[in-house]
PDB file of N, CA and C in Angstrom:
ATOM      1  N   MET A   1     141.809 184.997 -86.915  1.00  0.00           N
ATOM      2  CA  MET A   1     141.007 186.090 -86.663  1.00  0.00           C
ATOM      3  C   MET A   1     140.532 186.643 -88.133  1.00  0.00           C
ATOM      4  N   THR A   2     139.304 186.996 -88.316  1.00  0.00           N
ATOM      5  CA  THR A   2     138.880 187.467 -89.514  1.00  0.00           C
ATOM      6  C   THR A   2     139.132 188.960 -89.696  1.00  0.00           C
ATOM      7  N   GLU A   3     139.018 189.465 -90.874  1.00  0.00           N
ATOM      8  CA  GLU A   3     139.323 190.897 -91.053  1.00  0.00           C
ATOM      9  C   GLU A   3     138.289 191.761 -90.231  1.00  0.00           C
ATOM     10  N   THR A   4     137.063 191.338 -90.182  1.00  0.00           N
ATOM     11  CA  THR A   4     136.055 192.059 -89.381  1.00  0.00           C
ATOM     12  C   THR A   4     136.428 191.989 -87.909  1.00  0.00           C
ATOM     13  N   GLU A   5     136.787 190.823 -87.454  1.00  0.00           N
ATOM     14  CA  GLU A   5     137.227 190.734 -85.991  1.00  0.00           C
ATOM     15  C   GLU A   5     138.467 191.706 -85.719  1.00  0.00           C
ATOM     16  N   GLN A   6     139.429 191.765 -86.676  1.00  0.00           N
ATOM     17  CA  GLN A   6     140.555 192.630 -86.529  1.00  0.00           C
ATOM     18  C   GLN A   6     140.103 194.064 -86.486  1.00  0.00           C
ATOM     19  N   ALA A   7     139.185 194.461 -87.353  1.00  0.00           N
ATOM     20  CA  ALA A   7     138.635 195.838 -87.327  1.00  0.00           C
ATOM     21  C   ALA A   7     137.863 196.182 -86.028  1.00  0.00           C
ATOM     22  N   ILE A   8     137.215 195.174 -85.527  1.00  0.00           N
ATOM     23  CA  ILE A   8     136.473 195.364 -84.203  1.00  0.00           C
ATOM     24  C   ILE A   8     137.509 195.599 -83.145  1.00  0.00           C
ATOM     25  N   LEU A   9     138.551 194.740 -83.125  1.00  0.00           N
ATOM     26  CA  LEU A   9     139.641 194.859 -82.098  1.00  0.00           C
ATOM     27  C   LEU A   9     140.227 196.233 -82.179  1.00  0.00           C
ATOM     28  N   GLN A  10     140.551 196.714 -83.361  1.00  0.00           N
ATOM     29  CA  GLN A  10     141.117 198.099 -83.510  1.00  0.00           C
ATOM     30  C   GLN A  10     140.108 199.109 -82.987  1.00  0.00           C
ATOM     31  N   ALA A  11     138.891 199.064 -83.263  1.00  0.00           N
ATOM     32  CA  ALA A  11     137.948 199.955 -82.747  1.00  0.00           C
ATOM     33  C   ALA A  11     137.717 199.947 -81.265  1.00  0.00           C
ATOM     34  N   LEU A  12     137.796 198.728 -80.702  1.00  0.00           N
ATOM     35  CA  LEU A  12     137.708 198.493 -79.231  1.00  0.00           C
ATOM     36  C   LEU A  12     138.997 199.106 -78.520  1.00  0.00           C
ATOM     37  N   THR A  13     140.131 198.916 -79.128  1.00  0.00           N
ATOM     38  CA  THR A  13     141.362 199.381 -78.624  1.00  0.00           C
ATOM     39  C   THR A  13     141.330 200.935 -78.621  1.00  0.00           C
ATOM     40  N   GLU A  14     140.859 201.527 -79.638  1.00  0.00           N
ATOM     41  CA  GLU A  14     140.703 202.983 -79.807  1.00  0.00           C
ATOM     42  C   GLU A  14     139.716 203.475 -78.724  1.00  0.00           C
ATOM     43  N   LEU A  15     138.658 202.787 -78.584  1.00  0.00           N
ATOM     44  CA  LEU A  15     137.622 203.180 -77.612  1.00  0.00           C
ATOM     45  C   LEU A  15     138.185 203.206 -76.156  1.00  0.00           C
ATOM     46  N   ASP A  16     138.953 202.141 -75.846  1.00  0.00           N
ATOM     47  CA  ASP A  16     139.572 201.977 -74.612  1.00  0.00           C
ATOM     48  C   ASP A  16     140.587 203.148 -74.328  1.00  0.00           C
ATOM     49  N   ARG A  17     141.339 203.479 -75.325  1.00  0.00           N
ATOM     50  CA  ARG A  17     142.295 204.616 -75.204  1.00  0.00           C
ATOM     51  C   ARG A  17     141.607 205.817 -74.969  1.00  0.00           C
ATOM     52  N   GLN A  18     140.554 206.169 -75.732  1.00  0.00           N
ATOM     53  CA  GLN A  18     139.831 207.424 -75.537  1.00  0.00           C
ATOM     54  C   GLN A  18     139.105 207.592 -74.229  1.00  0.00           C
ATOM     55  N   VAL A  19     138.546 206.374 -73.749  1.00  0.00           N
ATOM     56  CA  VAL A  19     137.882 206.378 -72.471  1.00  0.00           C
ATOM     57  C   VAL A  19     138.848 206.698 -71.330  1.00  0.00           C
ATOM     58  N   LYS A  20     140.089 205.990 -71.420  1.00  0.00           N
ATOM     59  CA  LYS A  20     141.059 206.214 -70.371  1.00  0.00           C
ATOM     60  C   LYS A  20     141.645 207.707 -70.359  1.00  0.00           C
ATOM     61  N   ALA A  21     141.518 208.384 -71.498  1.00  0.00           N
ATOM     62  CA  ALA A  21     142.047 209.693 -71.690  1.00  0.00           C
ATOM     63  C   ALA A  21     141.000 210.799 -71.319  1.00  0.00           C
ATOM     64  N   MET A  22     139.697 210.375 -71.123  1.00  0.00           N
ATOM     65  CA  MET A  22     138.626 211.319 -70.880  1.00  0.00           C
ATOM     66  C   MET A  22     138.838 212.138 -69.672  1.00  0.00           C
ATOM     67  N   ALA A  23     139.424 211.633 -68.656  1.00  0.00           N
ATOM     68  CA  ALA A  23     139.585 212.401 -67.315  1.00  0.00           C
ATOM     69  C   ALA A  23     140.354 213.639 -67.555  1.00  0.00           C
ATOM     70  N   THR A  24     141.233 213.642 -68.485  1.00  0.00           N
ATOM     71  CA  THR A  24     142.090 214.870 -68.705  1.00  0.00           C
ATOM     72  C   THR A  24     141.942 215.427 -70.098  1.00  0.00           C
ATOM     73  N   ALA A  25     141.119 214.943 -70.905  1.00  0.00           N
ATOM     74  CA  ALA A  25     140.800 215.473 -72.278  1.00  0.00           C
ATOM     75  C   ALA A  25     139.930 216.756 -72.221  1.00  0.00           C
ATOM     76  N   ASN A  26     140.393 217.722 -72.934  1.00  0.00           N
ATOM     77  CA  ASN A  26     139.637 218.948 -73.128  1.00  0.00           C
ATOM     78  C   ASN A  26     139.842 219.403 -74.530  1.00  0.00           C
ATOM     79  N   PRO A  27     138.822 219.335 -75.369  1.00  0.00           N
ATOM     80  CA  PRO A  27     137.428 218.918 -75.097  1.00  0.00           C
ATOM     81  C   PRO A  27     137.372 217.356 -74.998  1.00  0.00           C
ATOM     82  N   LYS A  28     136.253 216.938 -74.476  1.00  0.00           N
ATOM     83  CA  LYS A  28     136.030 215.464 -74.332  1.00  0.00           C
ATOM     84  C   LYS A  28     135.860 214.877 -75.760  1.00  0.00           C
ATOM     85  N   PRO A  29     136.418 213.739 -75.985  1.00  0.00           N
ATOM     86  CA  PRO A  29     136.232 213.111 -77.273  1.00  0.00           C
ATOM     87  C   PRO A  29     134.712 212.700 -77.484  1.00  0.00           C
ATOM     88  N   ASN A  30     134.328 212.678 -78.824  1.00  0.00           N
ATOM     89  CA  ASN A  30     133.034 212.184 -79.225  1.00  0.00           C
ATOM     90  C   ASN A  30     133.102 210.721 -79.395  1.00  0.00           C
ATOM     91  N   LEU A  31     132.562 209.897 -78.632  1.00  0.00           N
ATOM     92  CA  LEU A  31     132.650 208.486 -78.824  1.00  0.00           C
ATOM     93  C   LEU A  31     131.596 207.814 -79.665  1.00  0.00           C
ATOM     94  N   VAL A  32     130.619 208.651 -80.057  1.00  0.00           N
ATOM     95  CA  VAL A  32     129.437 208.195 -80.850  1.00  0.00           C
ATOM     96  C   VAL A  32     129.998 207.525 -82.200  1.00  0.00           C
ATOM     97  N   PRO A  33     130.888 208.121 -82.861  1.00  0.00           N
ATOM     98  CA  PRO A  33     131.430 207.493 -84.087  1.00  0.00           C
ATOM     99  C   PRO A  33     132.028 206.080 -83.921  1.00  0.00           C
ATOM    100  N   LEU A  34     132.680 205.933 -82.774  1.00  0.00           N
ATOM    101  CA  LEU A  34     133.200 204.555 -82.417  1.00  0.00           C
ATOM    102  C   LEU A  34     132.127 203.599 -82.165  1.00  0.00           C
ATOM    103  N   PHE A  35     131.080 204.020 -81.414  1.00  0.00           N
ATOM    104  CA  PHE A  35     129.924 203.097 -81.165  1.00  0.00           C
ATOM    105  C   PHE A  35     129.249 202.718 -82.429  1.00  0.00           C
ATOM    106  N   THR A  36     129.090 203.728 -83.266  1.00  0.00           N
ATOM    107  CA  THR A  36     128.477 203.396 -84.575  1.00  0.00           C
ATOM    108  C   THR A  36     129.209 202.489 -85.445  1.00  0.00           C
ATOM    109  N   ARG A  37     130.555 202.679 -85.472  1.00  0.00           N
ATOM    110  CA  ARG A  37     131.467 201.801 -86.188  1.00  0.00           C
ATOM    111  C   ARG A  37     131.377 200.347 -85.678  1.00  0.00           C
ATOM    112  N   LEU A  38     131.369 200.221 -84.260  1.00  0.00           N
ATOM    113  CA  LEU A  38     131.260 198.862 -83.638  1.00  0.00           C
ATOM    114  C   LEU A  38     130.005 198.204 -84.039  1.00  0.00           C
ATOM    115  N   ASP A  39     128.870 198.935 -84.016  1.00  0.00           N
ATOM    116  CA  ASP A  39     127.607 198.366 -84.451  1.00  0.00           C
ATOM    117  C   ASP A  39     127.615 197.871 -85.869  1.00  0.00           C
ATOM    118  N   GLU A  40     128.242 198.707 -86.780  1.00  0.00           N
ATOM    119  CA  GLU A  40     128.288 198.378 -88.147  1.00  0.00           C
ATOM    120  C   GLU A  40     129.160 197.040 -88.355  1.00  0.00           C
ATOM    121  N   LEU A  41     130.250 197.078 -87.652  1.00  0.00           N
ATOM    122  CA  LEU A  41     131.199 195.885 -87.779  1.00  0.00           C
ATOM    123  C   LEU A  41     130.513 194.676 -87.202  1.00  0.00           C
ATOM    124  N   SER A  42     129.789 194.772 -86.093  1.00  0.00           N
ATOM    125  CA  SER A  42     129.161 193.615 -85.483  1.00  0.00           C
ATOM    126  C   SER A  42     128.185 192.986 -86.454  1.00  0.00           C
ATOM    127  N   ARG A  43     127.522 193.803 -87.233  1.00  0.00           N
ATOM    128  CA  ARG A  43     126.512 193.286 -88.174  1.00  0.00           C
ATOM    129  C   ARG A  43     127.182 192.532 -89.303  1.00  0.00           C
ATOM    130  N   GLN A  44     128.414 192.807 -89.531  1.00  0.00           N
ATOM    131  CA  GLN A  44     129.237 192.145 -90.708  1.00  0.00           C
ATOM    132  C   GLN A  44     129.832 190.814 -90.197  1.00  0.00           C
ATOM    133  N   LEU A  45     129.755 190.484 -89.000  1.00  0.00           N
ATOM    134  CA  LEU A  45     130.414 189.267 -88.578  1.00  0.00           C
ATOM    135  C   LEU A  45     129.770 188.032 -89.275  1.00  0.00           C
ATOM    136  N   PRO A  46     130.621 187.040 -89.678  1.00  0.00           N
ATOM    137  CA  PRO A  46     130.098 185.905 -90.334  1.00  0.00           C
ATOM    138  C   PRO A  46     129.290 185.036 -89.306  1.00  0.00           C
ATOM    139  N   PRO A  47     128.447 184.171 -89.906  1.00  0.00           N
ATOM    140  CA  PRO A  47     127.646 183.266 -89.055  1.00  0.00           C
ATOM    141  C   PRO A  47     128.393 182.366 -88.138  1.00  0.00           C
ATOM    142  N   ASN A  48     129.624 181.988 -88.448  1.00  0.00           N
ATOM    143  CA  ASN A  48     130.424 181.149 -87.669  1.00  0.00           C
ATOM    144  C   ASN A  48     131.194 181.795 -86.489  1.00  0.00           C
ATOM    145  N   THR A  49     130.892 183.062 -86.251  1.00  0.00           N
ATOM    146  CA  THR A  49     131.636 183.868 -85.304  1.00  0.00           C
ATOM    147  C   THR A  49     131.339 183.215 -83.883  1.00  0.00           C
ATOM    148  N   SER A  50     132.234 183.291 -83.015  1.00  0.00           N
ATOM    149  CA  SER A  50     132.104 182.838 -81.620  1.00  0.00           C
ATOM    150  C   SER A  50     130.848 183.381 -80.963  1.00  0.00           C
ATOM    151  N   PRO A  51     129.994 182.548 -80.461  1.00  0.00           N
ATOM    152  CA  PRO A  51     128.772 183.030 -79.654  1.00  0.00           C
ATOM    153  C   PRO A  51     129.186 183.929 -78.566  1.00  0.00           C
ATOM    154  N   ASP A  52     130.321 183.765 -77.994  1.00  0.00           N
ATOM    155  CA  ASP A  52     130.773 184.529 -76.828  1.00  0.00           C
ATOM    156  C   ASP A  52     131.037 186.021 -77.337  1.00  0.00           C
ATOM    157  N   LEU A  53     131.713 186.120 -78.460  1.00  0.00           N
ATOM    158  CA  LEU A  53     131.989 187.429 -79.020  1.00  0.00           C
ATOM    159  C   LEU A  53     130.744 188.124 -79.399  1.00  0.00           C
ATOM    160  N   ARG A  54     129.848 187.384 -80.061  1.00  0.00           N
ATOM    161  CA  ARG A  54     128.543 188.003 -80.459  1.00  0.00           C
ATOM    162  C   ARG A  54     127.780 188.459 -79.263  1.00  0.00           C
ATOM    163  N   HIS A  55     127.764 187.669 -78.119  1.00  0.00           N
ATOM    164  CA  HIS A  55     127.126 188.146 -76.884  1.00  0.00           C
ATOM    165  C   HIS A  55     127.715 189.350 -76.300  1.00  0.00           C
ATOM    166  N   TYR A  56     129.022 189.403 -76.256  1.00  0.00           N
ATOM    167  CA  TYR A  56     129.651 190.645 -75.646  1.00  0.00           C
ATOM    168  C   TYR A  56     129.312 191.869 -76.445  1.00  0.00           C
ATOM    169  N   LEU A  57     129.266 191.783 -77.828  1.00  0.00           N
ATOM    170  CA  LEU A  57     129.018 192.894 -78.622  1.00  0.00           C
ATOM    171  C   LEU A  57     127.554 193.259 -78.553  1.00  0.00           C
ATOM    172  N   GLN A  58     126.687 192.315 -78.505  1.00  0.00           N
ATOM    173  CA  GLN A  58     125.248 192.605 -78.467  1.00  0.00           C
ATOM    174  C   GLN A  58     124.881 193.295 -77.139  1.00  0.00           C
ATOM    175  N   LYS A  59     125.541 192.903 -76.034  1.00  0.00           N
ATOM    176  CA  LYS A  59     125.344 193.503 -74.737  1.00  0.00           C
ATOM    177  C   LYS A  59     126.159 194.786 -74.479  1.00  0.00           C
ATOM    178  N   LYS A  60     126.906 195.116 -75.511  1.00  0.00           N
ATOM    179  CA  LYS A  60     127.794 196.350 -75.462  1.00  0.00           C
ATOM    180  C   LYS A  60     128.821 196.241 -74.316  1.00  0.00           C
ATOM    181  N   SER A  61     129.235 194.976 -74.080  1.00  0.00           N
ATOM    182  CA  SER A  61     130.324 194.709 -73.151  1.00  0.00           C
ATOM    183  C   SER A  61     131.658 194.767 -73.863  1.00  0.00           C
ATOM    184  N   TYR A  62     131.985 196.028 -74.206  1.00  0.00           N
ATOM    185  CA  TYR A  62     133.157 196.220 -75.099  1.00  0.00           C
ATOM    186  C   TYR A  62     134.494 195.786 -74.497  1.00  0.00           C
ATOM    187  N   GLU A  63     134.615 195.980 -73.264  1.00  0.00           N
ATOM    188  CA  GLU A  63     135.924 195.467 -72.580  1.00  0.00           C
ATOM    189  C   GLU A  63     135.945 194.020 -72.669  1.00  0.00           C
ATOM    190  N   LYS A  64     134.895 193.312 -72.463  1.00  0.00           N
ATOM    191  CA  LYS A  64     134.954 191.873 -72.540  1.00  0.00           C
ATOM    192  C   LYS A  64     135.203 191.335 -73.904  1.00  0.00           C
ATOM    193  N   ALA A  65     134.621 192.125 -74.917  1.00  0.00           N
ATOM    194  CA  ALA A  65     134.855 191.771 -76.308  1.00  0.00           C
ATOM    195  C   ALA A  65     136.374 191.981 -76.665  1.00  0.00           C
ATOM    196  N   ARG A  66     136.896 193.061 -76.121  1.00  0.00           N
ATOM    197  CA  ARG A  66     138.301 193.385 -76.453  1.00  0.00           C
ATOM    198  C   ARG A  66     139.251 192.304 -75.845  1.00  0.00           C
ATOM    199  N   LEU A  67     138.995 191.884 -74.602  1.00  0.00           N
ATOM    200  CA  LEU A  67     139.771 190.857 -73.924  1.00  0.00           C
ATOM    201  C   LEU A  67     139.601 189.556 -74.685  1.00  0.00           C
ATOM    202  N   PHE A  68     138.382 189.227 -75.120  1.00  0.00           N
ATOM    203  CA  PHE A  68     138.133 188.013 -75.902  1.00  0.00           C
ATOM    204  C   PHE A  68     139.057 187.919 -77.217  1.00  0.00           C
ATOM    205  N   LEU A  69     138.971 189.068 -77.881  1.00  0.00           N
ATOM    206  CA  LEU A  69     139.751 189.178 -79.156  1.00  0.00           C
ATOM    207  C   LEU A  69     141.245 189.238 -78.997  1.00  0.00           C
ATOM    208  N   GLU A  70     141.628 189.638 -77.746  1.00  0.00           N
ATOM    209  CA  GLU A  70     143.069 189.580 -77.443  1.00  0.00           C
ATOM    210  C   GLU A  70     143.558 188.245 -76.883  1.00  0.00           C
ATOM    211  N   GLY A  71     142.662 187.255 -76.834  1.00  0.00           N
ATOM    212  CA  GLY A  71     142.894 185.946 -76.290  1.00  0.00           C
ATOM    213  C   GLY A  71     142.951 185.910 -74.848  1.00  0.00           C
ATOM    214  N   ARG A  72     142.342 186.842 -74.131  1.00  0.00           N
ATOM    215  CA  ARG A  72     142.384 186.955 -72.702  1.00  0.00           C
ATOM    216  C   ARG A  72     141.001 186.780 -72.061  1.00  0.00           C
ATOM    217  N   ASP A  73     140.155 185.935 -72.623  1.00  0.00           N
ATOM    218  CA  ASP A  73     138.749 185.839 -72.252  1.00  0.00           C
ATOM    219  C   ASP A  73     138.742 185.272 -70.812  1.00  0.00           C
ATOM    220  N   ALA A  74     139.735 184.540 -70.340  1.00  0.00           N
ATOM    221  CA  ALA A  74     139.799 183.967 -69.021  1.00  0.00           C
ATOM    222  C   ALA A  74     139.731 185.048 -67.997  1.00  0.00           C
ATOM    223  N   GLU A  75     140.077 186.275 -68.320  1.00  0.00           N
ATOM    224  CA  GLU A  75     140.132 187.364 -67.466  1.00  0.00           C
ATOM    225  C   GLU A  75     138.775 188.054 -67.289  1.00  0.00           C
ATOM    226  N   ASN A  76     137.795 187.656 -68.140  1.00  0.00           N
ATOM    227  CA  ASN A  76     136.425 188.288 -68.019  1.00  0.00           C
ATOM    228  C   ASN A  76     135.710 187.643 -66.852  1.00  0.00           C
ATOM    229  N   ALA A  77     135.117 188.576 -66.072  1.00  0.00           N
ATOM    230  CA  ALA A  77     134.283 188.239 -64.915  1.00  0.00           C
ATOM    231  C   ALA A  77     132.942 187.944 -65.406  1.00  0.00           C
ATOM    232  N   ALA A  78     132.148 187.104 -64.650  1.00  0.00           N
ATOM    233  CA  ALA A  78     130.776 186.821 -64.923  1.00  0.00           C
ATOM    234  C   ALA A  78     129.997 188.154 -64.907  1.00  0.00           C
ATOM    235  N   GLY A  79     129.062 188.364 -65.899  1.00  0.00           N
ATOM    236  CA  GLY A  79     128.233 189.525 -65.936  1.00  0.00           C
ATOM    237  C   GLY A  79     126.914 189.295 -65.095  1.00  0.00           C
ATOM    238  N   ASN A  80     126.070 190.239 -65.142  1.00  0.00           N
ATOM    239  CA  ASN A  80     124.796 190.068 -64.546  1.00  0.00           C
ATOM    240  C   ASN A  80     123.879 189.052 -65.121  1.00  0.00           C
ATOM    241  N   CYS A  81     124.095 188.740 -66.346  1.00  0.00           N
ATOM    242  CA  CYS A  81     123.388 187.752 -67.135  1.00  0.00           C
ATOM    243  C   CYS A  81     123.906 186.361 -66.735  1.00  0.00           C
ATOM    244  N   GLY A  82     125.017 186.222 -66.027  1.00  0.00           N
ATOM    245  CA  GLY A  82     125.532 184.916 -65.651  1.00  0.00           C
ATOM    246  C   GLY A  82     126.525 184.480 -66.717  1.00  0.00           C
ATOM    247  N   HIS A  83     126.679 185.191 -67.794  1.00  0.00           N
ATOM    248  CA  HIS A  83     127.701 184.837 -68.771  1.00  0.00           C
ATOM    249  C   HIS A  83     129.010 185.410 -68.458  1.00  0.00           C
ATOM    250  N   ARG A  84     130.025 184.702 -68.747  1.00  0.00           N
ATOM    251  CA  ARG A  84     131.329 185.100 -68.407  1.00  0.00           C
ATOM    252  C   ARG A  84     131.919 185.874 -69.630  1.00  0.00           C
TER     253      ARG A  84
END
């Protein structure tokens, strides 16, 4: 896993944590900085990055991207686009 992919996984894990805590959080967390960070990191991925990971990030399928980076891509369900 590249450093950029590791940073993306860290950001995705933090996003997942904050989203799960939203129901009880007061005040609600501002997720915009995490989305901005993910966009920045996505642009830094090298050309040989997995097309699946690129697809998930471009489509903002952040849970699928997280599962992919955790080695759990088999758990991803097919999306509306027909891509798993």
